[in-house]
Amino acid sequence: MDEPLEIWFQREILPHEAALVRYLQNKAPALKLDARDLRHEVYIRVIEAAETVRPSGARPFLFSIARNLLIDLARRGRVVSIDFLEDLDLPNVLIDEISPERVASGRQQLQRLSLFFLRLPAKCREILWMRRIEGMPQRQVAERLGMTEGAVEKQVHRGLRYLADAVYGGSPDKETARDREAIERETGHGD
């Protein structure tokens, strides 16, 4: 880190400004925020993070900070559609290098997710599979299973929350057990 932060920022971050602004303009209307203000906040977070460690891939670093900022803002707003969060994909972000360690880590995470997925009650697992893997519309899932759309939405939400808590360590023993019980009560059965 011999290079001054200002020079690194100008060389590595500013060339991506147009792409960042386009990304923020596409996502900001859902939050009713100005992309220019968001860009400024992203830059502040980039500088704060880069003061300690400079990332090897500036573009993925920049866009992950932008995405995290949007998620933080969405959480603060508390009323955000799930579609908005799904649309926060990082466009055209190239990963510098996929190391064997990253591949192994990814496989381990996928195995853990699979195990937690199999622990979901059968009905919840079926609903998640149809919505997230097969990409079926909520209405079609509800019709096929003889449920209301609201019940399908609840199952998707609870199932995803259970999986996220279990995989990312929210509080897997407490909250996921509570969610699992609620899922079982609503579907009328367990595994």
C-alpha atoms as a PDB file:
ATOM      1  CA  MET A   1       0.000   0.000   0.000  1.00  0.00           C
ATOM      2  CA  ASP A   2       2.724   2.417  -0.990  1.00  0.00           C
ATOM      3  CA  GLU A   3       0.433   4.232  -3.396  1.00  0.00           C
ATOM      4  CA  PRO A   4      -1.657   7.081  -1.931  1.00  0.00           C
ATOM      5  CA  LEU A   5      -5.352   6.305  -1.588  1.00  0.00           C
ATOM      6  CA  GLU A   6      -6.350   9.224  -3.799  1.00  0.00           C
ATOM      7  CA  ILE A   7      -4.267   7.967  -6.732  1.00  0.00           C
ATOM      8  CA  TRP A   8      -5.533   4.401  -6.296  1.00  0.00           C
ATOM      9  CA  PHE A   9      -9.122   5.703  -6.223  1.00  0.00           C
ATOM     10  CA  GLN A  10      -8.652   7.755  -9.396  1.00  0.00           C
ATOM     11  CA  ARG A  11      -6.973   4.904 -11.241  1.00  0.00           C
ATOM     12  CA  GLU A  12      -9.081   1.944 -10.069  1.00  0.00           C
ATOM     13  CA  ILE A  13     -12.526   3.267  -9.102  1.00  0.00           C
ATOM     14  CA  LEU A  14     -13.331   6.378 -11.143  1.00  0.00           C
ATOM     15  CA  PRO A  15     -13.098   4.607 -14.539  1.00  0.00           C
ATOM     16  CA  HIS A  16     -16.181   2.607 -13.477  1.00  0.00           C
ATOM     17  CA  GLU A  17     -18.235   5.689 -12.584  1.00  0.00           C
ATOM     18  CA  ALA A  18     -20.502   5.552 -15.646  1.00  0.00           C
ATOM     19  CA  ALA A  19     -21.323   1.877 -15.070  1.00  0.00           C
ATOM     20  CA  LEU A  20     -21.920   2.546 -11.375  1.00  0.00           C
ATOM     21  CA  VAL A  21     -24.289   5.438 -12.112  1.00  0.00           C
ATOM     22  CA  ARG A  22     -26.226   3.305 -14.640  1.00  0.00           C
ATOM     23  CA  TYR A  23     -26.486   0.494 -12.082  1.00  0.00           C
ATOM     24  CA  LEU A  24     -27.711   2.879  -9.384  1.00  0.00           C
ATOM     25  CA  GLN A  25     -30.155   4.609 -11.761  1.00  0.00           C
ATOM     26  CA  ASN A  26     -31.679   1.235 -12.606  1.00  0.00           C
ATOM     27  CA  LYS A  27     -32.059   0.270  -8.939  1.00  0.00           C
ATOM     28  CA  ALA A  28     -32.629   3.616  -7.184  1.00  0.00           C
ATOM     29  CA  PRO A  29     -36.185   4.306  -8.452  1.00  0.00           C
ATOM     30  CA  ALA A  30     -37.501   1.378  -6.404  1.00  0.00           C
ATOM     31  CA  LEU A  31     -36.140   3.128  -3.311  1.00  0.00           C
ATOM     32  CA  LYS A  32     -37.086   6.603  -4.550  1.00  0.00           C
ATOM     33  CA  LEU A  33     -33.515   7.846  -4.168  1.00  0.00           C
ATOM     34  CA  ASP A  34     -31.209   9.900  -6.370  1.00  0.00           C
ATOM     35  CA  ALA A  35     -28.424   7.902  -8.047  1.00  0.00           C
ATOM     36  CA  ARG A  36     -25.953  10.786  -7.644  1.00  0.00           C
ATOM     37  CA  ASP A  37     -26.440  10.834  -3.880  1.00  0.00           C
ATOM     38  CA  LEU A  38     -26.047   7.075  -3.772  1.00  0.00           C
ATOM     39  CA  ARG A  39     -22.864   7.285  -5.861  1.00  0.00           C
ATOM     40  CA  HIS A  40     -21.417   9.662  -3.296  1.00  0.00           C
ATOM     41  CA  GLU A  41     -22.282   7.276  -0.446  1.00  0.00           C
ATOM     42  CA  VAL A  42     -20.742   4.351  -2.366  1.00  0.00           C
ATOM     43  CA  TYR A  43     -17.531   6.330  -2.849  1.00  0.00           C
ATOM     44  CA  ILE A  44     -17.377   7.128   0.866  1.00  0.00           C
ATOM     45  CA  ARG A  45     -17.730   3.439   1.713  1.00  0.00           C
ATOM     46  CA  VAL A  46     -15.108   2.483  -0.873  1.00  0.00           C
ATOM     47  CA  ILE A  47     -12.601   4.955   0.562  1.00  0.00           C
ATOM     48  CA  GLU A  48     -13.291   3.890   4.138  1.00  0.00           C
ATOM     49  CA  ALA A  49     -12.824   0.231   3.267  1.00  0.00           C
ATOM     50  CA  ALA A  50      -9.744   0.834   1.098  1.00  0.00           C
ATOM     51  CA  GLU A  51      -7.987   2.760   3.863  1.00  0.00           C
ATOM     52  CA  THR A  52      -7.202  -0.543   5.534  1.00  0.00           C
ATOM     53  CA  VAL A  53      -6.936  -2.973   2.629  1.00  0.00           C
ATOM     54  CA  ARG A  54      -6.954  -2.321  -1.097  1.00  0.00           C
ATOM     55  CA  PRO A  55      -8.924  -4.964  -2.978  1.00  0.00           C
ATOM     56  CA  SER A  56      -7.323  -6.822  -5.861  1.00  0.00           C
ATOM     57  CA  GLY A  57     -10.431  -6.400  -8.026  1.00  0.00           C
ATOM     58  CA  ALA A  58     -11.652  -2.819  -7.878  1.00  0.00           C
ATOM     59  CA  ARG A  59     -14.760  -3.267 -10.058  1.00  0.00           C
ATOM     60  CA  PRO A  60     -16.273  -6.215  -8.139  1.00  0.00           C
ATOM     61  CA  PHE A  61     -15.377  -4.416  -4.905  1.00  0.00           C
ATOM     62  CA  LEU A  62     -17.129  -1.224  -6.065  1.00  0.00           C
ATOM     63  CA  PHE A  63     -20.297  -2.997  -7.196  1.00  0.00           C
ATOM     64  CA  SER A  64     -20.523  -5.181  -4.099  1.00  0.00           C
ATOM     65  CA  ILE A  65     -20.378  -2.029  -1.970  1.00  0.00           C
ATOM     66  CA  ALA A  66     -23.101  -0.451  -4.146  1.00  0.00           C
ATOM     67  CA  ARG A  67     -25.267  -3.553  -3.826  1.00  0.00           C
ATOM     68  CA  ASN A  68     -24.762  -3.691  -0.053  1.00  0.00           C
ATOM     69  CA  LEU A  69     -25.670  -0.013   0.251  1.00  0.00           C
ATOM     70  CA  LEU A  70     -28.911  -0.611  -1.660  1.00  0.00           C
ATOM     71  CA  ILE A  71     -29.731  -3.579   0.551  1.00  0.00           C
ATOM     72  CA  ASP A  72     -29.026  -1.521   3.687  1.00  0.00           C
ATOM     73  CA  LEU A  73     -31.293   1.259   2.417  1.00  0.00           C
ATOM     74  CA  ALA A  74     -33.998  -1.251   1.523  1.00  0.00           C
ATOM     75  CA  ARG A  75     -33.826  -2.755   5.002  1.00  0.00           C
ATOM     76  CA  ARG A  76     -34.155   0.666   6.573  1.00  0.00           C
ATOM     77  CA  GLY A  77     -37.221   1.300   4.444  1.00  0.00           C
ATOM     78  CA  ARG A  78     -38.679  -2.030   5.619  1.00  0.00           C
ATOM     79  CA  VAL A  79     -41.192  -2.126   2.770  1.00  0.00           C
ATOM     80  CA  VAL A  80     -39.434  -3.515  -0.254  1.00  0.00           C
ATOM     81  CA  SER A  81     -40.654  -6.135  -2.664  1.00  0.00           C
ATOM     82  CA  ILE A  82     -38.706  -9.352  -2.918  1.00  0.00           C
ATOM     83  CA  ASP A  83     -38.375  -8.677  -6.653  1.00  0.00           C
ATOM     84  CA  PHE A  84     -36.292  -5.573  -5.882  1.00  0.00           C
ATOM     85  CA  LEU A  85     -33.781  -7.603  -3.874  1.00  0.00           C
ATOM     86  CA  GLU A  86     -33.656 -10.271  -6.579  1.00  0.00           C
ATOM     87  CA  ASP A  87     -32.843  -7.583  -9.161  1.00  0.00           C
ATOM     88  CA  LEU A  88     -29.717  -6.470  -7.334  1.00  0.00           C
ATOM     89  CA  ASP A  89     -27.493  -8.748  -9.393  1.00  0.00           C
ATOM     90  CA  LEU A  90     -24.108  -7.315 -10.103  1.00  0.00           C
ATOM     91  CA  PRO A  91     -24.138  -6.561 -13.840  1.00  0.00           C
ATOM     92  CA  ASN A  92     -21.076  -7.346 -15.871  1.00  0.00           C
ATOM     93  CA  VAL A  93     -18.844  -7.690 -12.839  1.00  0.00           C
ATOM     94  CA  LEU A  94     -15.906  -9.832 -13.752  1.00  0.00           C
ATOM     95  CA  ILE A  95     -14.376 -12.002 -11.090  1.00  0.00           C
ATOM     96  CA  ASP A  96     -10.615 -11.612 -11.316  1.00  0.00           C
ATOM     97  CA  GLU A  97      -9.758 -15.184 -10.551  1.00  0.00           C
ATOM     98  CA  ILE A  98     -11.516 -18.272  -9.319  1.00  0.00           C
ATOM     99  CA  SER A  99      -9.002 -20.135  -7.224  1.00  0.00           C
ATOM    100  CA  PRO A 100      -9.238 -23.830  -6.316  1.00  0.00           C
ATOM    101  CA  GLU A 101      -9.895 -22.706  -2.735  1.00  0.00           C
ATOM    102  CA  ARG A 102     -12.903 -20.661  -3.853  1.00  0.00           C
ATOM    103  CA  VAL A 103     -14.246 -23.607  -5.834  1.00  0.00           C
ATOM    104  CA  ALA A 104     -13.862 -25.922  -2.832  1.00  0.00           C
ATOM    105  CA  SER A 105     -15.453 -23.359  -0.526  1.00  0.00           C
ATOM    106  CA  GLY A 106     -18.354 -22.923  -2.944  1.00  0.00           C
ATOM    107  CA  ARG A 107     -18.929 -26.672  -3.077  1.00  0.00           C
ATOM    108  CA  GLN A 108     -18.928 -26.886   0.717  1.00  0.00           C
ATOM    109  CA  GLN A 109     -21.439 -24.041   0.952  1.00  0.00           C
ATOM    110  CA  LEU A 110     -23.653 -25.720  -1.642  1.00  0.00           C
ATOM    111  CA  GLN A 111     -23.538 -29.007   0.297  1.00  0.00           C
ATOM    112  CA  ARG A 112     -24.500 -27.203   3.520  1.00  0.00           C
ATOM    113  CA  LEU A 113     -27.340 -25.416   1.756  1.00  0.00           C
ATOM    114  CA  SER A 114     -28.568 -28.733   0.328  1.00  0.00           C
ATOM    115  CA  LEU A 115     -28.595 -30.320   3.780  1.00  0.00           C
ATOM    116  CA  PHE A 116     -30.537 -27.418   5.272  1.00  0.00           C
ATOM    117  CA  PHE A 117     -32.914 -27.458   2.308  1.00  0.00           C
ATOM    118  CA  LEU A 118     -33.662 -31.137   2.948  1.00  0.00           C
ATOM    119  CA  ARG A 119     -34.454 -30.312   6.602  1.00  0.00           C
ATOM    120  CA  LEU A 120     -37.313 -28.029   5.582  1.00  0.00           C
ATOM    121  CA  PRO A 121     -40.825 -29.462   5.909  1.00  0.00           C
ATOM    122  CA  ALA A 122     -41.852 -31.220   2.716  1.00  0.00           C
ATOM    123  CA  LYS A 123     -44.514 -28.677   1.684  1.00  0.00           C
ATOM    124  CA  CYS A 124     -42.211 -25.702   2.257  1.00  0.00           C
ATOM    125  CA  ARG A 125     -39.411 -27.454   0.363  1.00  0.00           C
ATOM    126  CA  GLU A 126     -41.779 -28.167  -2.530  1.00  0.00           C
ATOM    127  CA  ILE A 127     -42.958 -24.553  -2.661  1.00  0.00           C
ATOM    128  CA  LEU A 128     -39.397 -23.194  -2.569  1.00  0.00           C
ATOM    129  CA  TRP A 129     -38.365 -25.613  -5.297  1.00  0.00           C
ATOM    130  CA  MET A 130     -41.209 -24.566  -7.587  1.00  0.00           C
ATOM    131  CA  ARG A 131     -40.728 -20.820  -6.966  1.00  0.00           C
ATOM    132  CA  ARG A 132     -36.943 -20.522  -6.892  1.00  0.00           C
ATOM    133  CA  ILE A 133     -35.607 -23.437  -8.925  1.00  0.00           C
ATOM    134  CA  GLU A 134     -38.358 -23.939 -11.488  1.00  0.00           C
ATOM    135  CA  GLY A 135     -39.231 -20.230 -11.513  1.00  0.00           C
ATOM    136  CA  MET A 136     -42.980 -20.812 -11.378  1.00  0.00           C
ATOM    137  CA  PRO A 137     -45.164 -17.764 -10.715  1.00  0.00           C
ATOM    138  CA  GLN A 138     -46.644 -17.553  -7.232  1.00  0.00           C
ATOM    139  CA  ARG A 139     -50.190 -17.801  -8.582  1.00  0.00           C
ATOM    140  CA  GLN A 140     -49.399 -21.018 -10.458  1.00  0.00           C
ATOM    141  CA  VAL A 141     -47.793 -22.592  -7.361  1.00  0.00           C
ATOM    142  CA  ALA A 142     -50.836 -21.641  -5.281  1.00  0.00           C
ATOM    143  CA  GLU A 143     -53.235 -23.143  -7.827  1.00  0.00           C
ATOM    144  CA  ARG A 144     -51.231 -26.335  -8.181  1.00  0.00           C
ATOM    145  CA  LEU A 145     -51.044 -26.883  -4.407  1.00  0.00           C
ATOM    146  CA  GLY A 146     -54.540 -25.633  -3.598  1.00  0.00           C
ATOM    147  CA  MET A 147     -53.262 -22.797  -1.408  1.00  0.00           C
ATOM    148  CA  THR A 148     -53.714 -19.055  -1.346  1.00  0.00           C
ATOM    149  CA  GLU A 149     -51.013 -16.874  -2.862  1.00  0.00           C
ATOM    150  CA  GLY A 150     -50.448 -15.346   0.567  1.00  0.00           C
ATOM    151  CA  ALA A 151     -49.735 -18.778   2.053  1.00  0.00           C
ATOM    152  CA  VAL A 152     -47.271 -19.521  -0.735  1.00  0.00           C
ATOM    153  CA  GLU A 153     -45.552 -16.192  -0.176  1.00  0.00           C
ATOM    154  CA  LYS A 154     -45.302 -16.864   3.572  1.00  0.00           C
ATOM    155  CA  GLN A 155     -43.788 -20.279   2.978  1.00  0.00           C
ATOM    156  CA  VAL A 156     -41.223 -18.863   0.564  1.00  0.00           C
ATOM    157  CA  HIS A 157     -40.310 -16.106   2.998  1.00  0.00           C
ATOM    158  CA  ARG A 158     -40.014 -18.407   6.002  1.00  0.00           C
ATOM    159  CA  GLY A 159     -38.142 -21.060   4.057  1.00  0.00           C
ATOM    160  CA  LEU A 160     -35.641 -18.569   2.679  1.00  0.00           C
ATOM    161  CA  ARG A 161     -35.183 -17.024   6.093  1.00  0.00           C
ATOM    162  CA  TYR A 162     -34.593 -20.456   7.621  1.00  0.00           C
ATOM    163  CA  LEU A 163     -31.994 -21.246   4.964  1.00  0.00           C
ATOM    164  CA  ALA A 164     -30.280 -17.866   5.239  1.00  0.00           C
ATOM    165  CA  ASP A 165     -30.083 -18.089   9.034  1.00  0.00           C
ATOM    166  CA  ALA A 166     -28.823 -21.648   8.880  1.00  0.00           C
ATOM    167  CA  VAL A 167     -26.197 -21.004   6.200  1.00  0.00           C
ATOM    168  CA  TYR A 168     -25.042 -17.543   7.263  1.00  0.00           C
ATOM    169  CA  GLY A 169     -25.336 -18.053  10.991  1.00  0.00           C
ATOM    170  CA  GLY A 170     -28.068 -15.538  11.847  1.00  0.00           C
ATOM    171  CA  SER A 171     -29.081 -17.503  14.931  1.00  0.00           C
ATOM    172  CA  PRO A 172     -29.589 -21.003  13.565  1.00  0.00           C
ATOM    173  CA  ASP A 173     -30.568 -22.718  16.807  1.00  0.00           C
ATOM    174  CA  LYS A 174     -33.165 -20.210  17.974  1.00  0.00           C
ATOM    175  CA  GLU A 175     -34.791 -18.447  15.011  1.00  0.00           C
ATOM    176  CA  THR A 176     -34.586 -21.276  12.505  1.00  0.00           C
ATOM    177  CA  ALA A 177     -36.191 -23.693  14.976  1.00  0.00           C
ATOM    178  CA  ARG A 178     -38.974 -21.141  15.549  1.00  0.00           C
ATOM    179  CA  ASP A 179     -39.421 -20.643  11.794  1.00  0.00           C
ATOM    180  CA  ARG A 180     -39.394 -24.386  11.208  1.00  0.00           C
ATOM    181  CA  GLU A 181     -42.154 -24.854  13.812  1.00  0.00           C
ATOM    182  CA  ALA A 182     -44.223 -22.071  12.207  1.00  0.00           C
ATOM    183  CA  ILE A 183     -43.753 -23.646   8.777  1.00  0.00           C
ATOM    184  CA  GLU A 184     -44.843 -27.047  10.101  1.00  0.00           C
ATOM    185  CA  ARG A 185     -47.907 -25.530  11.820  1.00  0.00           C
ATOM    186  CA  GLU A 186     -49.006 -23.728   8.659  1.00  0.00           C
ATOM    187  CA  THR A 187     -48.463 -26.642   6.294  1.00  0.00           C
ATOM    188  CA  GLY A 188     -49.913 -29.118   8.748  1.00  0.00           C
ATOM    189  CA  HIS A 189     -46.984 -31.503   8.655  1.00  0.00           C
ATOM    190  CA  GLY A 190     -43.238 -31.883   8.918  1.00  0.00           C
ATOM    191  CA  ASP A 191     -40.884 -33.949   6.776  1.00  0.00           C
END
